[in-house]
Amino acid sequence: MLYRTAAARSLLRAASSSNASVARSTLGNQVFKAPLTSSARHAIRPTVSPSFALAAHKPVTTALVRYSSSSAKGEEDVDVMAGMKSEAKVIKDTFSLAEVPKEALYIGMAGVVPYLATSLETVYLSYEINRAASLGDGLIFSGQSAELMLHMLEPIQVGYGAVILSFLGAIHWGLEWAGYGGKFGYRRYAAGVVAPAVAWPTLLFPVEYALISQFLAFTFLYYNDARAAAAGRAPHWYGMYRFVLTFVVGASIVATLIGREQIQQTITSEHTITDKINALVFLQKKEKEEADARRRAELGQDSE
């Protein structure tokens, strides 16, 4: 009995000690295994949180986008500036008068000064007439003085335009005599004849119609001269030279017409050359009728 009790106690003591050792070994394995496993995992494959990864990669992406956008913008600015410089160079070369002889350039520019001056004077006198009509007096001249000066300028501008047109036609005669580009005969002489034939009858028109007719004549002559220069019948620089001069004259005519339109209802109409010719014809007809009446009266007295 005693033996059984001692044996049972020894068995219980052995079981409890084995359970304690197993528990210690299990706890030790779990304690040391977890740090070793976690440390090994961290060493082999570090884990990074998504927010930290986004923060780490975001500056690189933004920098790349900014670099690409800035480089594209810089290339675009360079392309735009290069295109503008190229277009400016084309315009400069197109309107260049470097090949025009200096004498012809200076004399030609001086030739359009009277036309431009009369046009500007017409615009200013129109302003004076309008001011006098609305306020009672002009800025420098009175309304009557400005109107009188305007009527004095009308035949000057129209007559000078006819002179310029005749001169432009005569140039083709000189080119034909010099044989520039060959001999063209009546075809080239016709240009010199048409210009004065169209220019001088405009002196008989009212001022507005005369200026419009001369504007069309200048435009037609420029077209003819540009074709002649392109075909080799005139110097190659003559087309651009004529364009510049025609542009100044055409702008002067347009300014004159605009100025006169502003005072169309204000100024008194002067007798034009057409009115004077009609008055002369009427006077001659009246004198002829009176002469016939006197002759018949004399014949009647002789018969009695």
C-alpha atoms as a PDB file:
ATOM      1  CA  MET A   1       0.000   0.000   0.000  1.00  0.00           C
ATOM      2  CA  LEU A   2       2.772   2.300   0.889  1.00  0.00           C
ATOM      3  CA  TYR A   3       4.608   1.254  -2.207  1.00  0.00           C
ATOM      4  CA  ARG A   4       1.639   2.065  -4.383  1.00  0.00           C
ATOM      5  CA  THR A   5       1.268   5.472  -2.806  1.00  0.00           C
ATOM      6  CA  ALA A   6       4.918   6.323  -3.337  1.00  0.00           C
ATOM      7  CA  ALA A   7       4.777   5.069  -6.889  1.00  0.00           C
ATOM      8  CA  ALA A   8       1.714   7.157  -7.616  1.00  0.00           C
ATOM      9  CA  ARG A   9       3.359  10.239  -6.173  1.00  0.00           C
ATOM     10  CA  SER A  10       6.487   9.677  -8.241  1.00  0.00           C
ATOM     11  CA  LEU A  11       4.393   9.288 -11.386  1.00  0.00           C
ATOM     12  CA  LEU A  12       2.470  12.475 -10.666  1.00  0.00           C
ATOM     13  CA  ARG A  13       5.723  14.328  -9.967  1.00  0.00           C
ATOM     14  CA  ALA A  14       7.259  13.066 -13.217  1.00  0.00           C
ATOM     15  CA  ALA A  15       4.191  14.026 -15.245  1.00  0.00           C
ATOM     16  CA  SER A  16       4.067  17.517 -13.789  1.00  0.00           C
ATOM     17  CA  SER A  17       7.779  18.031 -14.392  1.00  0.00           C
ATOM     18  CA  SER A  18       7.467  16.811 -17.974  1.00  0.00           C
ATOM     19  CA  ASN A  19       4.503  19.094 -18.571  1.00  0.00           C
ATOM     20  CA  ALA A  20       6.453  22.032 -17.182  1.00  0.00           C
ATOM     21  CA  SER A  21       9.448  21.285 -19.387  1.00  0.00           C
ATOM     22  CA  VAL A  22       7.215  20.920 -22.428  1.00  0.00           C
ATOM     23  CA  ALA A  23       5.514  24.216 -21.610  1.00  0.00           C
ATOM     24  CA  ARG A  24       8.882  25.923 -21.119  1.00  0.00           C
ATOM     25  CA  SER A  25      10.214  24.556 -24.388  1.00  0.00           C
ATOM     26  CA  THR A  26       7.074  25.545 -26.224  1.00  0.00           C
ATOM     27  CA  LEU A  27       7.102  29.030 -24.745  1.00  0.00           C
ATOM     28  CA  GLY A  28      10.793  29.418 -25.476  1.00  0.00           C
ATOM     29  CA  ASN A  29      10.377  28.287 -29.028  1.00  0.00           C
ATOM     30  CA  GLN A  30       7.509  30.716 -29.549  1.00  0.00           C
ATOM     31  CA  VAL A  31       9.347  33.602 -27.916  1.00  0.00           C
ATOM     32  CA  PHE A  32      12.593  33.158 -29.844  1.00  0.00           C
ATOM     33  CA  LYS A  33      11.030  31.944 -33.053  1.00  0.00           C
ATOM     34  CA  ALA A  34       8.824  34.959 -33.568  1.00  0.00           C
ATOM     35  CA  PRO A  35      11.610  37.566 -33.350  1.00  0.00           C
ATOM     36  CA  LEU A  36      13.903  35.503 -35.521  1.00  0.00           C
ATOM     37  CA  THR A  37      11.194  34.928 -38.100  1.00  0.00           C
ATOM     38  CA  SER A  38      10.039  38.552 -38.155  1.00  0.00           C
ATOM     39  CA  SER A  39      13.614  39.848 -38.284  1.00  0.00           C
ATOM     40  CA  ALA A  40      14.443  37.480 -41.107  1.00  0.00           C
ATOM     41  CA  ARG A  41      11.383  38.519 -43.008  1.00  0.00           C
ATOM     42  CA  HIS A  42      12.236  42.197 -42.540  1.00  0.00           C
ATOM     43  CA  ALA A  43      15.778  41.592 -43.696  1.00  0.00           C
ATOM     44  CA  ILE A  44      14.796  39.621 -46.771  1.00  0.00           C
ATOM     45  CA  ARG A  45      11.681  41.524 -47.925  1.00  0.00           C
ATOM     46  CA  PRO A  46      11.027  44.827 -46.212  1.00  0.00           C
ATOM     47  CA  THR A  47       7.429  45.849 -46.180  1.00  0.00           C
ATOM     48  CA  VAL A  48       6.511  49.481 -46.749  1.00  0.00           C
ATOM     49  CA  SER A  49       3.139  50.979 -46.150  1.00  0.00           C
ATOM     50  CA  PRO A  50       1.193  52.146 -49.254  1.00  0.00           C
ATOM     51  CA  SER A  51       1.070  55.746 -48.059  1.00  0.00           C
ATOM     52  CA  PHE A  52       4.842  55.841 -47.589  1.00  0.00           C
ATOM     53  CA  ALA A  53       5.404  54.303 -51.028  1.00  0.00           C
ATOM     54  CA  LEU A  54       3.125  56.898 -52.657  1.00  0.00           C
ATOM     55  CA  ALA A  55       4.920  59.691 -50.853  1.00  0.00           C
ATOM     56  CA  ALA A  56       8.274  58.320 -51.951  1.00  0.00           C
ATOM     57  CA  HIS A  57       7.355  57.955 -55.632  1.00  0.00           C
ATOM     58  CA  LYS A  58       5.201  61.086 -56.021  1.00  0.00           C
ATOM     59  CA  PRO A  59       8.025  63.686 -56.203  1.00  0.00           C
ATOM     60  CA  VAL A  60       9.797  61.696 -58.913  1.00  0.00           C
ATOM     61  CA  THR A  61       6.652  61.508 -61.068  1.00  0.00           C
ATOM     62  CA  THR A  62       5.881  65.213 -60.558  1.00  0.00           C
ATOM     63  CA  ALA A  63       9.421  66.158 -61.465  1.00  0.00           C
ATOM     64  CA  LEU A  64       9.249  64.115 -64.652  1.00  0.00           C
ATOM     65  CA  VAL A  65       5.916  65.690 -65.615  1.00  0.00           C
ATOM     66  CA  ARG A  66       7.213  69.171 -64.903  1.00  0.00           C
ATOM     67  CA  TYR A  67      10.360  68.531 -66.902  1.00  0.00           C
ATOM     68  CA  SER A  68       8.448  67.168 -69.882  1.00  0.00           C
ATOM     69  CA  SER A  69       5.929  70.045 -69.828  1.00  0.00           C
ATOM     70  CA  SER A  70       8.626  72.696 -69.465  1.00  0.00           C
ATOM     71  CA  SER A  71      10.707  71.170 -72.248  1.00  0.00           C
ATOM     72  CA  ALA A  72       7.664  70.964 -74.535  1.00  0.00           C
ATOM     73  CA  LYS A  73       6.760  74.588 -73.737  1.00  0.00           C
ATOM     74  CA  GLY A  74      10.311  75.694 -74.420  1.00  0.00           C
ATOM     75  CA  GLU A  75      10.346  73.901 -77.767  1.00  0.00           C
ATOM     76  CA  GLU A  76       6.970  75.455 -78.637  1.00  0.00           C
ATOM     77  CA  ASP A  77       8.238  78.956 -77.780  1.00  0.00           C
ATOM     78  CA  VAL A  78      11.324  78.384 -79.898  1.00  0.00           C
ATOM     79  CA  ASP A  79       9.185  77.175 -82.810  1.00  0.00           C
ATOM     80  CA  VAL A  80       6.824  80.179 -82.539  1.00  0.00           C
ATOM     81  CA  MET A  81       9.679  82.683 -82.412  1.00  0.00           C
ATOM     82  CA  ALA A  82      11.409  81.012 -85.339  1.00  0.00           C
ATOM     83  CA  GLY A  83       8.183  81.098 -87.357  1.00  0.00           C
ATOM     84  CA  MET A  84       7.594  84.769 -86.575  1.00  0.00           C
ATOM     85  CA  LYS A  85      11.152  85.679 -87.534  1.00  0.00           C
ATOM     86  CA  SER A  86      10.823  83.722 -90.765  1.00  0.00           C
ATOM     87  CA  GLU A  87       7.546  85.454 -91.651  1.00  0.00           C
ATOM     88  CA  ALA A  88       9.016  88.866 -90.813  1.00  0.00           C
ATOM     89  CA  LYS A  89      11.984  88.125 -93.060  1.00  0.00           C
ATOM     90  CA  VAL A  90       9.672  87.092 -95.905  1.00  0.00           C
ATOM     91  CA  ILE A  91       7.671  90.320 -95.555  1.00  0.00           C
ATOM     92  CA  LYS A  92      10.844  92.391 -95.414  1.00  0.00           C
ATOM     93  CA  ASP A  93      12.253  90.716 -98.516  1.00  0.00           C
ATOM     94  CA  THR A  94       8.940  91.083-100.340  1.00  0.00           C
ATOM     95  CA  PHE A  95       8.662  94.835 -99.769  1.00  0.00           C
ATOM     96  CA  SER A  96      12.364  95.508-100.038  1.00  0.00           C
ATOM     97  CA  LEU A  97      13.410  98.393-102.295  1.00  0.00           C
ATOM     98  CA  ALA A  98      17.128  97.716-101.936  1.00  0.00           C
ATOM     99  CA  GLU A  99      17.526  96.892-105.638  1.00  0.00           C
ATOM    100  CA  VAL A 100      15.769 100.061-106.809  1.00  0.00           C
ATOM    101  CA  PRO A 101      18.229 102.692-108.063  1.00  0.00           C
ATOM    102  CA  LYS A 102      18.586 105.420-105.473  1.00  0.00           C
ATOM    103  CA  GLU A 103      17.880 108.208-107.944  1.00  0.00           C
ATOM    104  CA  ALA A 104      14.618 106.615-109.089  1.00  0.00           C
ATOM    105  CA  LEU A 105      13.600 105.900-105.492  1.00  0.00           C
ATOM    106  CA  TYR A 106      14.236 109.423-104.229  1.00  0.00           C
ATOM    107  CA  ILE A 107      12.633 111.174-107.197  1.00  0.00           C
ATOM    108  CA  GLY A 108       9.654 108.818-107.144  1.00  0.00           C
ATOM    109  CA  MET A 109       9.044 109.387-103.438  1.00  0.00           C
ATOM    110  CA  ALA A 110       9.386 113.128-103.930  1.00  0.00           C
ATOM    111  CA  GLY A 111       6.883 112.921-106.773  1.00  0.00           C
ATOM    112  CA  VAL A 112       4.091 111.625-104.544  1.00  0.00           C
ATOM    113  CA  VAL A 113       4.650 114.297-101.873  1.00  0.00           C
ATOM    114  CA  PRO A 114       2.442 116.943-103.605  1.00  0.00           C
ATOM    115  CA  TYR A 115      -0.353 114.402-103.982  1.00  0.00           C
ATOM    116  CA  LEU A 116      -0.078 113.401-100.328  1.00  0.00           C
ATOM    117  CA  ALA A 117       0.125 117.041 -99.211  1.00  0.00           C
ATOM    118  CA  THR A 118      -3.035 118.057-101.074  1.00  0.00           C
ATOM    119  CA  SER A 119      -4.843 115.062 -99.612  1.00  0.00           C
ATOM    120  CA  LEU A 120      -3.857 115.915 -96.032  1.00  0.00           C
ATOM    121  CA  GLU A 121      -4.758 119.548 -96.634  1.00  0.00           C
ATOM    122  CA  THR A 122      -8.179 118.480 -97.903  1.00  0.00           C
ATOM    123  CA  VAL A 123      -8.784 116.422 -94.766  1.00  0.00           C
ATOM    124  CA  TYR A 124      -7.766 119.329 -92.521  1.00  0.00           C
ATOM    125  CA  LEU A 125      -9.874 121.877 -94.388  1.00  0.00           C
ATOM    126  CA  SER A 126     -12.836 119.519 -94.152  1.00  0.00           C
ATOM    127  CA  TYR A 127     -12.352 119.479 -90.394  1.00  0.00           C
ATOM    128  CA  GLU A 128     -12.242 123.283 -90.340  1.00  0.00           C
ATOM    129  CA  ILE A 129     -15.451 123.528 -92.376  1.00  0.00           C
ATOM    130  CA  ASN A 130     -17.269 121.075 -90.106  1.00  0.00           C
ATOM    131  CA  ARG A 131     -16.042 122.900 -87.004  1.00  0.00           C
ATOM    132  CA  ALA A 132     -17.175 126.240 -88.388  1.00  0.00           C
ATOM    133  CA  ALA A 133     -20.582 124.786 -89.268  1.00  0.00           C
ATOM    134  CA  SER A 134     -21.103 123.338 -85.772  1.00  0.00           C
ATOM    135  CA  LEU A 135     -19.341 125.896 -83.526  1.00  0.00           C
ATOM    136  CA  GLY A 136     -19.526 129.020 -85.648  1.00  0.00           C
ATOM    137  CA  ASP A 137     -15.792 129.369 -86.318  1.00  0.00           C
ATOM    138  CA  GLY A 138     -12.852 127.193 -87.339  1.00  0.00           C
ATOM    139  CA  LEU A 139      -9.711 126.415 -85.394  1.00  0.00           C
ATOM    140  CA  ILE A 140      -7.322 128.442 -87.588  1.00  0.00           C
ATOM    141  CA  PHE A 141      -9.323 129.455 -90.659  1.00  0.00           C
ATOM    142  CA  SER A 142     -12.870 130.641 -90.915  1.00  0.00           C
ATOM    143  CA  GLY A 143     -15.433 128.468 -92.628  1.00  0.00           C
ATOM    144  CA  GLN A 144     -15.496 130.601 -95.779  1.00  0.00           C
ATOM    145  CA  SER A 145     -11.704 130.753 -96.014  1.00  0.00           C
ATOM    146  CA  ALA A 146     -11.408 126.988 -95.579  1.00  0.00           C
ATOM    147  CA  GLU A 147     -14.041 126.391 -98.243  1.00  0.00           C
ATOM    148  CA  LEU A 148     -12.305 128.746-100.672  1.00  0.00           C
ATOM    149  CA  MET A 149      -8.948 127.048-100.098  1.00  0.00           C
ATOM    150  CA  LEU A 150     -10.566 123.661-100.606  1.00  0.00           C
ATOM    151  CA  HIS A 151     -11.939 124.714-103.988  1.00  0.00           C
ATOM    152  CA  MET A 152      -8.461 125.927-104.941  1.00  0.00           C
ATOM    153  CA  LEU A 153      -6.958 122.527-104.060  1.00  0.00           C
ATOM    154  CA  GLU A 154      -9.426 120.533-106.149  1.00  0.00           C
ATOM    155  CA  PRO A 155      -7.985 121.297-109.618  1.00  0.00           C
ATOM    156  CA  ILE A 156      -4.429 121.014-108.258  1.00  0.00           C
ATOM    157  CA  GLN A 157      -4.907 117.453-107.017  1.00  0.00           C
ATOM    158  CA  VAL A 158      -6.860 116.278-110.056  1.00  0.00           C
ATOM    159  CA  GLY A 159      -4.474 117.970-112.496  1.00  0.00           C
ATOM    160  CA  TYR A 160      -1.387 116.588-110.771  1.00  0.00           C
ATOM    161  CA  GLY A 161      -2.913 113.111-110.878  1.00  0.00           C
ATOM    162  CA  ALA A 162      -3.373 113.451-114.634  1.00  0.00           C
ATOM    163  CA  VAL A 163       0.285 114.482-114.986  1.00  0.00           C
ATOM    164  CA  ILE A 164       1.492 111.439-113.009  1.00  0.00           C
ATOM    165  CA  LEU A 165      -0.659 109.070-115.068  1.00  0.00           C
ATOM    166  CA  SER A 166       0.713 110.508-118.305  1.00  0.00           C
ATOM    167  CA  PHE A 167       4.278 110.104-117.033  1.00  0.00           C
ATOM    168  CA  LEU A 168       3.684 106.468-116.078  1.00  0.00           C
ATOM    169  CA  GLY A 169       2.455 105.755-119.583  1.00  0.00           C
ATOM    170  CA  ALA A 170       5.463 107.468-121.170  1.00  0.00           C
ATOM    171  CA  ILE A 171       7.836 105.090-119.342  1.00  0.00           C
ATOM    172  CA  HIS A 172       6.746 102.253-121.641  1.00  0.00           C
ATOM    173  CA  TRP A 173       7.708 104.308-124.677  1.00  0.00           C
ATOM    174  CA  GLY A 174      11.197 104.697-123.222  1.00  0.00           C
ATOM    175  CA  LEU A 175      11.448 100.955-122.566  1.00  0.00           C
ATOM    176  CA  GLU A 176      10.421 100.249-126.152  1.00  0.00           C
ATOM    177  CA  TRP A 177      12.979 102.683-127.568  1.00  0.00           C
ATOM    178  CA  ALA A 178      15.685 101.099-125.403  1.00  0.00           C
ATOM    179  CA  GLY A 179      14.587  97.632-126.532  1.00  0.00           C
ATOM    180  CA  TYR A 180      14.370  96.390-122.941  1.00  0.00           C
ATOM    181  CA  GLY A 181      13.325  92.741-123.061  1.00  0.00           C
ATOM    182  CA  GLY A 182      12.920  92.899-126.823  1.00  0.00           C
ATOM    183  CA  LYS A 183      10.790  94.821-129.281  1.00  0.00           C
ATOM    184  CA  PHE A 184       7.027  94.691-128.752  1.00  0.00           C
ATOM    185  CA  GLY A 185       5.863  97.449-131.086  1.00  0.00           C
ATOM    186  CA  TYR A 186       2.296  98.713-130.785  1.00  0.00           C
ATOM    187  CA  ARG A 187       1.577  96.491-127.803  1.00  0.00           C
ATOM    188  CA  ARG A 188       3.988  98.470-125.652  1.00  0.00           C
ATOM    189  CA  TYR A 189       3.182 101.827-127.235  1.00  0.00           C
ATOM    190  CA  ALA A 190      -0.501 101.292-126.440  1.00  0.00           C
ATOM    191  CA  ALA A 191       0.201 101.427-122.699  1.00  0.00           C
ATOM    192  CA  GLY A 192       1.762 104.855-123.149  1.00  0.00           C
ATOM    193  CA  VAL A 193      -1.232 106.089-125.138  1.00  0.00           C
ATOM    194  CA  VAL A 194      -4.021 104.738-122.926  1.00  0.00           C
ATOM    195  CA  ALA A 195      -2.699 106.391-119.754  1.00  0.00           C
ATOM    196  CA  PRO A 196      -2.987 110.059-120.856  1.00  0.00           C
ATOM    197  CA  ALA A 197      -6.136 109.289-122.833  1.00  0.00           C
ATOM    198  CA  VAL A 198      -7.799 108.201-119.584  1.00  0.00           C
ATOM    199  CA  ALA A 199      -6.136 110.770-117.315  1.00  0.00           C
ATOM    200  CA  TRP A 200      -6.852 114.108-118.944  1.00  0.00           C
ATOM    201  CA  PRO A 201     -10.616 113.748-119.508  1.00  0.00           C
ATOM    202  CA  THR A 202     -10.999 113.406-115.729  1.00  0.00           C
ATOM    203  CA  LEU A 203     -10.451 117.170-115.525  1.00  0.00           C
ATOM    204  CA  LEU A 204     -13.951 117.570-116.940  1.00  0.00           C
ATOM    205  CA  PHE A 205     -15.569 115.437-114.221  1.00  0.00           C
ATOM    206  CA  PRO A 206     -16.775 116.567-110.814  1.00  0.00           C
ATOM    207  CA  VAL A 207     -14.049 116.213-108.213  1.00  0.00           C
ATOM    208  CA  GLU A 208     -15.330 112.995-106.648  1.00  0.00           C
ATOM    209  CA  TYR A 209     -15.793 111.248-109.997  1.00  0.00           C
ATOM    210  CA  ALA A 210     -12.420 112.508-111.203  1.00  0.00           C
ATOM    211  CA  LEU A 211     -10.630 111.098-108.154  1.00  0.00           C
ATOM    212  CA  ILE A 212     -12.397 107.746-108.434  1.00  0.00           C
ATOM    213  CA  SER A 213     -11.530 107.523-112.142  1.00  0.00           C
ATOM    214  CA  GLN A 214      -7.888 108.301-111.433  1.00  0.00           C
ATOM    215  CA  PHE A 215      -7.806 105.716-108.646  1.00  0.00           C
ATOM    216  CA  LEU A 216      -8.973 103.054-111.095  1.00  0.00           C
ATOM    217  CA  ALA A 217      -6.446 104.268-113.679  1.00  0.00           C
ATOM    218  CA  PHE A 218      -3.567 104.068-111.177  1.00  0.00           C
ATOM    219  CA  THR A 219      -4.627 100.549-110.197  1.00  0.00           C
ATOM    220  CA  PHE A 220      -4.832  99.393-113.817  1.00  0.00           C
ATOM    221  CA  LEU A 221      -1.420 100.855-114.650  1.00  0.00           C
ATOM    222  CA  TYR A 222       0.121  99.155-111.623  1.00  0.00           C
ATOM    223  CA  TYR A 223      -1.319  95.833-112.757  1.00  0.00           C
ATOM    224  CA  ASN A 224       0.082  96.368-116.245  1.00  0.00           C
ATOM    225  CA  ASP A 225       3.511  97.395-114.919  1.00  0.00           C
ATOM    226  CA  ALA A 226       3.672  94.419-112.538  1.00  0.00           C
ATOM    227  CA  ARG A 227       2.936  92.053-115.427  1.00  0.00           C
ATOM    228  CA  ALA A 228       5.588  93.766-117.537  1.00  0.00           C
ATOM    229  CA  ALA A 229       8.181  93.351-114.771  1.00  0.00           C
ATOM    230  CA  ALA A 230       7.264  89.688-114.285  1.00  0.00           C
ATOM    231  CA  ALA A 231       7.477  89.029-118.034  1.00  0.00           C
ATOM    232  CA  GLY A 232      10.857  90.721-118.387  1.00  0.00           C
ATOM    233  CA  ARG A 233       9.572  93.748-120.310  1.00  0.00           C
ATOM    234  CA  ALA A 234      10.632  95.997-117.413  1.00  0.00           C
ATOM    235  CA  PRO A 235      13.265  95.758-114.640  1.00  0.00           C
ATOM    236  CA  HIS A 236      12.473  93.105-112.045  1.00  0.00           C
ATOM    237  CA  TRP A 237      12.354  95.703-109.253  1.00  0.00           C
ATOM    238  CA  TYR A 238       9.856  97.888-111.113  1.00  0.00           C
ATOM    239  CA  GLY A 239       6.798  95.966-109.891  1.00  0.00           C
ATOM    240  CA  MET A 240       7.494  96.522-106.180  1.00  0.00           C
ATOM    241  CA  TYR A 241       8.598 100.091-106.868  1.00  0.00           C
ATOM    242  CA  ARG A 242       5.286 100.816-108.551  1.00  0.00           C
ATOM    243  CA  PHE A 243       3.369  99.087-105.767  1.00  0.00           C
ATOM    244  CA  VAL A 244       4.794 101.405-103.096  1.00  0.00           C
ATOM    245  CA  LEU A 245       4.125 104.561-105.113  1.00  0.00           C
ATOM    246  CA  THR A 246       0.634 103.416-106.107  1.00  0.00           C
ATOM    247  CA  PHE A 247      -0.160 102.582-102.487  1.00  0.00           C
ATOM    248  CA  VAL A 248       0.735 106.127-101.372  1.00  0.00           C
ATOM    249  CA  VAL A 249      -1.294 107.723-104.166  1.00  0.00           C
ATOM    250  CA  GLY A 250      -4.265 105.403-103.626  1.00  0.00           C
ATOM    251  CA  ALA A 251      -4.286 106.066 -99.876  1.00  0.00           C
ATOM    252  CA  SER A 252      -4.189 109.809-100.588  1.00  0.00           C
ATOM    253  CA  ILE A 253      -7.180 109.560-102.924  1.00  0.00           C
ATOM    254  CA  VAL A 254      -9.164 107.537-100.381  1.00  0.00           C
ATOM    255  CA  ALA A 255      -8.365 110.064 -97.631  1.00  0.00           C
ATOM    256  CA  THR A 256      -9.491 112.918 -99.883  1.00  0.00           C
ATOM    257  CA  LEU A 257     -12.767 111.184-100.695  1.00  0.00           C
ATOM    258  CA  ILE A 258     -13.433 110.498 -97.007  1.00  0.00           C
ATOM    259  CA  GLY A 259     -12.715 114.120 -96.105  1.00  0.00           C
ATOM    260  CA  ARG A 260     -15.000 115.441 -98.823  1.00  0.00           C
ATOM    261  CA  GLU A 261     -17.756 113.053 -97.802  1.00  0.00           C
ATOM    262  CA  GLN A 262     -17.822 114.661 -94.353  1.00  0.00           C
ATOM    263  CA  ILE A 263     -18.654 118.079 -95.834  1.00  0.00           C
ATOM    264  CA  GLN A 264     -20.858 117.010 -98.724  1.00  0.00           C
ATOM    265  CA  GLN A 265     -23.905 118.732 -97.224  1.00  0.00           C
ATOM    266  CA  THR A 266     -21.988 121.761 -95.943  1.00  0.00           C
ATOM    267  CA  ILE A 267     -20.016 123.278 -98.816  1.00  0.00           C
ATOM    268  CA  THR A 268     -21.578 125.105-101.718  1.00  0.00           C
ATOM    269  CA  SER A 269     -21.112 123.432-105.064  1.00  0.00           C
ATOM    270  CA  GLU A 270     -18.768 125.284-107.377  1.00  0.00           C
ATOM    271  CA  HIS A 271     -19.149 125.349-111.129  1.00  0.00           C
ATOM    272  CA  THR A 272     -17.116 122.533-112.580  1.00  0.00           C
ATOM    273  CA  ILE A 273     -15.424 122.548-115.954  1.00  0.00           C
ATOM    274  CA  THR A 274     -18.381 120.597-117.320  1.00  0.00           C
ATOM    275  CA  ASP A 275     -20.765 123.296-116.125  1.00  0.00           C
ATOM    276  CA  LYS A 276     -18.580 125.944-117.699  1.00  0.00           C
ATOM    277  CA  ILE A 277     -18.488 124.067-121.002  1.00  0.00           C
ATOM    278  CA  ASN A 278     -22.263 123.664-120.942  1.00  0.00           C
ATOM    279  CA  ALA A 279     -22.634 127.361-120.188  1.00  0.00           C
ATOM    280  CA  LEU A 280     -20.305 128.182-123.079  1.00  0.00           C
ATOM    281  CA  VAL A 281     -22.283 125.979-125.468  1.00  0.00           C
ATOM    282  CA  PHE A 282     -25.533 127.554-124.306  1.00  0.00           C
ATOM    283  CA  LEU A 283     -24.089 131.048-124.758  1.00  0.00           C
ATOM    284  CA  GLN A 284     -22.843 130.247-128.261  1.00  0.00           C
ATOM    285  CA  LYS A 285     -26.228 128.825-129.183  1.00  0.00           C
ATOM    286  CA  LYS A 286     -27.963 131.908-127.833  1.00  0.00           C
ATOM    287  CA  GLU A 287     -25.624 134.235-129.724  1.00  0.00           C
ATOM    288  CA  LYS A 288     -26.226 132.279-132.915  1.00  0.00           C
ATOM    289  CA  GLU A 289     -29.985 132.545-132.500  1.00  0.00           C
ATOM    290  CA  GLU A 290     -29.693 136.277-131.890  1.00  0.00           C
ATOM    291  CA  ALA A 291     -27.487 136.635-134.981  1.00  0.00           C
ATOM    292  CA  ASP A 292     -30.026 134.721-137.086  1.00  0.00           C
ATOM    293  CA  ALA A 293     -32.810 136.929-135.753  1.00  0.00           C
ATOM    294  CA  ARG A 294     -30.904 140.086-136.657  1.00  0.00           C
ATOM    295  CA  ARG A 295     -30.152 138.719-140.119  1.00  0.00           C
ATOM    296  CA  ARG A 296     -33.803 137.934-140.730  1.00  0.00           C
ATOM    297  CA  ALA A 297     -34.743 141.359-139.498  1.00  0.00           C
ATOM    298  CA  GLU A 298     -32.265 142.967-141.886  1.00  0.00           C
ATOM    299  CA  LEU A 299     -33.571 140.876-144.791  1.00  0.00           C
ATOM    300  CA  GLY A 300     -37.121 141.944-143.950  1.00  0.00           C
ATOM    301  CA  GLN A 301     -36.172 145.584-143.981  1.00  0.00           C
ATOM    302  CA  ASP A 302     -34.399 145.206-147.326  1.00  0.00           C
ATOM    303  CA  SER A 303     -37.428 143.520-148.893  1.00  0.00           C
ATOM    304  CA  GLU A 304     -39.661 146.379-147.836  1.00  0.00           C
END
